Amino acid sequence: MPNDPSDNARRIQMQREGPLLVEGPVEVVLEDGTTAVSDRCMVALCTCRRSRCYPWCDTSHRRRSRD
């Protein structure tokens, strides 16, 4: 059940010039309804949409500066 008090909270770290760092494992539901799954203990979610493996960050944001 969502928001059940017995569930452990996930920690998300926000970075001004980078991805969202999320403690895993995670399931990410994309705009088209597909689900991306990772069982890693920490994942980086792309916020700039430059990643070739979106929704996961591949550090493409480092190649160009944001406007």
N, C-alpha and C. Protein backbone atom coordinates (compact mmCIF):
# COMPACT_ATOMS: atom_id res chain seq x y z
N MET A 1 0.85 -1.18 0.00
CA MET A 1 0.00 0.00 0.00
C MET A 1 0.90 1.24 0.00
N PRO A 2 0.68 2.18 -0.93
CA PRO A 2 1.50 3.40 -0.96
C PRO A 2 1.36 4.21 0.32
N ASN A 3 2.46 4.83 0.72
CA ASN A 3 2.49 5.68 1.92
C ASN A 3 2.21 4.93 3.21
N ASP A 4 2.45 3.63 3.20
CA ASP A 4 2.29 2.83 4.40
C ASP A 4 3.43 3.19 5.35
N PRO A 5 3.15 3.50 6.61
CA PRO A 5 4.20 3.88 7.56
C PRO A 5 5.29 2.82 7.74
N SER A 6 4.98 1.57 7.41
CA SER A 6 5.98 0.52 7.55
C SER A 6 7.00 0.54 6.41
N ASP A 7 6.71 1.26 5.32
CA ASP A 7 7.66 1.40 4.22
C ASP A 7 8.80 2.31 4.62
N ASN A 8 10.02 1.97 4.20
CA ASN A 8 11.16 2.85 4.46
C ASN A 8 11.17 3.98 3.44
N ALA A 9 11.48 5.16 3.89
CA ALA A 9 11.54 6.30 3.00
C ALA A 9 12.75 6.20 2.09
N ARG A 10 12.62 6.66 0.87
CA ARG A 10 13.73 6.72 -0.08
C ARG A 10 14.38 8.08 0.04
N ARG A 11 15.69 8.12 0.00
CA ARG A 11 16.42 9.39 0.05
C ARG A 11 16.72 9.83 -1.37
N ILE A 12 16.41 11.10 -1.68
CA ILE A 12 16.70 11.69 -2.99
C ILE A 12 17.56 12.92 -2.76
N GLN A 13 18.69 12.96 -3.45
CA GLN A 13 19.59 14.11 -3.34
C GLN A 13 19.50 14.93 -4.62
N MET A 14 19.22 16.22 -4.47
CA MET A 14 19.13 17.12 -5.62
C MET A 14 20.45 17.84 -5.79
N GLN A 15 20.87 17.98 -7.05
CA GLN A 15 22.11 18.68 -7.38
C GLN A 15 21.79 19.76 -8.40
N ARG A 16 22.27 20.97 -8.17
CA ARG A 16 21.96 22.11 -9.04
C ARG A 16 22.33 21.86 -10.50
N GLU A 17 23.51 21.33 -10.76
CA GLU A 17 23.98 21.14 -12.13
C GLU A 17 24.09 19.67 -12.51
N GLY A 18 23.24 18.84 -11.96
CA GLY A 18 23.38 17.42 -12.25
C GLY A 18 22.10 16.64 -12.06
N PRO A 19 22.25 15.34 -11.92
CA PRO A 19 21.09 14.45 -11.81
C PRO A 19 20.50 14.42 -10.40
N LEU A 20 19.36 13.76 -10.30
CA LEU A 20 18.79 13.43 -9.00
C LEU A 20 19.38 12.09 -8.59
N LEU A 21 19.96 12.02 -7.42
CA LEU A 21 20.51 10.78 -6.89
C LEU A 21 19.47 10.14 -5.99
N VAL A 22 19.08 8.91 -6.32
CA VAL A 22 18.01 8.23 -5.60
C VAL A 22 18.52 6.91 -5.05
N GLU A 23 18.28 6.67 -3.77
CA GLU A 23 18.62 5.38 -3.18
C GLU A 23 17.70 4.33 -3.79
N GLY A 24 18.29 3.24 -4.27
CA GLY A 24 17.53 2.21 -4.97
C GLY A 24 17.17 1.07 -4.05
N PRO A 25 16.57 0.05 -4.58
CA PRO A 25 16.18 -0.10 -5.97
C PRO A 25 14.99 0.79 -6.31
N VAL A 26 14.84 1.10 -7.61
CA VAL A 26 13.78 2.01 -8.03
C VAL A 26 13.08 1.50 -9.28
N GLU A 27 11.84 1.95 -9.44
CA GLU A 27 11.06 1.79 -10.67
C GLU A 27 10.66 3.20 -11.08
N VAL A 28 10.95 3.57 -12.32
CA VAL A 28 10.61 4.89 -12.83
C VAL A 28 9.56 4.72 -13.93
N VAL A 29 8.40 5.33 -13.76
CA VAL A 29 7.35 5.28 -14.78
C VAL A 29 7.54 6.49 -15.69
N LEU A 30 7.76 6.22 -16.97
CA LEU A 30 8.01 7.27 -17.95
C LEU A 30 6.71 7.83 -18.51
N GLU A 31 6.81 8.93 -19.25
CA GLU A 31 5.63 9.60 -19.79
C GLU A 31 4.76 8.69 -20.65
N ASP A 32 5.40 7.77 -21.39
CA ASP A 32 4.64 6.89 -22.27
C ASP A 32 4.07 5.67 -21.55
N GLY A 33 4.27 5.60 -20.23
CA GLY A 33 3.72 4.52 -19.43
C GLY A 33 4.65 3.34 -19.24
N THR A 34 5.79 3.32 -19.93
CA THR A 34 6.74 2.24 -19.72
C THR A 34 7.45 2.44 -18.39
N THR A 35 8.01 1.35 -17.88
CA THR A 35 8.68 1.38 -16.58
C THR A 35 10.14 1.00 -16.76
N ALA A 36 11.03 1.83 -16.21
CA ALA A 36 12.46 1.54 -16.17
C ALA A 36 12.78 1.08 -14.75
N VAL A 37 13.50 -0.03 -14.63
CA VAL A 37 13.78 -0.64 -13.33
C VAL A 37 15.28 -0.73 -13.10
N SER A 38 15.72 -0.41 -11.89
CA SER A 38 17.11 -0.59 -11.49
C SER A 38 17.15 -1.18 -10.10
N ASP A 39 18.01 -2.17 -9.91
CA ASP A 39 18.15 -2.78 -8.59
C ASP A 39 19.43 -2.32 -7.89
N ARG A 40 20.08 -1.29 -8.46
CA ARG A 40 21.30 -0.75 -7.85
C ARG A 40 20.96 -0.05 -6.54
N CYS A 41 21.96 0.10 -5.66
CA CYS A 41 21.72 0.73 -4.36
C CYS A 41 21.64 2.26 -4.48
N MET A 42 22.15 2.84 -5.58
CA MET A 42 22.04 4.28 -5.83
C MET A 42 21.95 4.48 -7.34
N VAL A 43 20.98 5.27 -7.79
CA VAL A 43 20.84 5.56 -9.20
C VAL A 43 20.84 7.07 -9.42
N ALA A 44 21.26 7.49 -10.60
CA ALA A 44 21.25 8.89 -10.97
C ALA A 44 20.20 9.07 -12.06
N LEU A 45 19.19 9.89 -11.78
CA LEU A 45 18.13 10.15 -12.75
C LEU A 45 18.44 11.44 -13.50
N CYS A 46 18.41 11.37 -14.83
CA CYS A 46 18.72 12.51 -15.68
C CYS A 46 17.63 13.57 -15.54
N THR A 47 18.04 14.83 -15.39
CA THR A 47 17.09 15.94 -15.33
C THR A 47 17.22 16.87 -16.52
N CYS A 48 18.26 16.67 -17.35
CA CYS A 48 18.47 17.57 -18.50
C CYS A 48 18.00 16.95 -19.81
N ARG A 49 17.68 15.67 -19.81
CA ARG A 49 17.21 14.92 -20.99
C ARG A 49 18.27 14.78 -22.09
N ARG A 50 19.54 14.97 -21.76
CA ARG A 50 20.61 14.79 -22.74
C ARG A 50 21.15 13.36 -22.73
N SER A 51 20.78 12.58 -21.76
CA SER A 51 21.31 11.24 -21.59
C SER A 51 20.89 10.32 -22.73
N ARG A 52 21.83 9.52 -23.19
CA ARG A 52 21.53 8.53 -24.22
C ARG A 52 20.83 7.31 -23.64
N CYS A 53 20.86 7.18 -22.32
CA CYS A 53 20.19 6.04 -21.66
C CYS A 53 19.11 6.55 -20.70
N TYR A 54 18.39 7.60 -21.11
CA TYR A 54 17.34 8.22 -20.31
C TYR A 54 16.37 7.14 -19.82
N PRO A 55 15.93 7.12 -18.57
CA PRO A 55 15.97 8.16 -17.56
C PRO A 55 17.23 8.15 -16.71
N TRP A 56 18.15 7.22 -16.98
CA TRP A 56 19.39 7.15 -16.19
C TRP A 56 20.38 8.18 -16.71
N CYS A 57 21.11 8.82 -15.83
CA CYS A 57 22.09 9.83 -16.20
C CYS A 57 23.36 9.17 -16.72
N ASP A 58 23.89 9.67 -17.84
CA ASP A 58 25.17 9.18 -18.36
C ASP A 58 26.22 10.30 -18.38
N THR A 59 25.98 11.35 -17.62
CA THR A 59 26.83 12.55 -17.47
C THR A 59 26.92 13.39 -18.74
N SER A 60 25.97 13.25 -19.66
CA SER A 60 25.95 14.07 -20.86
C SER A 60 25.81 15.55 -20.53
N HIS A 61 25.24 15.87 -19.38
CA HIS A 61 25.06 17.27 -18.98
C HIS A 61 26.40 17.98 -18.81
N ARG A 62 27.47 17.24 -18.62
CA ARG A 62 28.79 17.84 -18.43
C ARG A 62 29.38 18.37 -19.74
N ARG A 63 28.93 17.86 -20.87
CA ARG A 63 29.50 18.23 -22.16
C ARG A 63 29.13 19.64 -22.62
N ARG A 64 27.94 20.10 -22.20
CA ARG A 64 27.46 21.43 -22.57
C ARG A 64 26.91 22.12 -21.35
N SER A 65 27.00 23.43 -21.33
CA SER A 65 26.45 24.18 -20.19
C SER A 65 24.99 24.46 -20.45
N ARG A 66 24.22 24.59 -19.37
CA ARG A 66 22.80 24.92 -19.49
C ARG A 66 22.62 26.38 -19.76
N ASP A 67 21.54 26.70 -20.47
CA ASP A 67 21.21 28.12 -20.74
C ASP A 67 20.60 28.77 -19.52
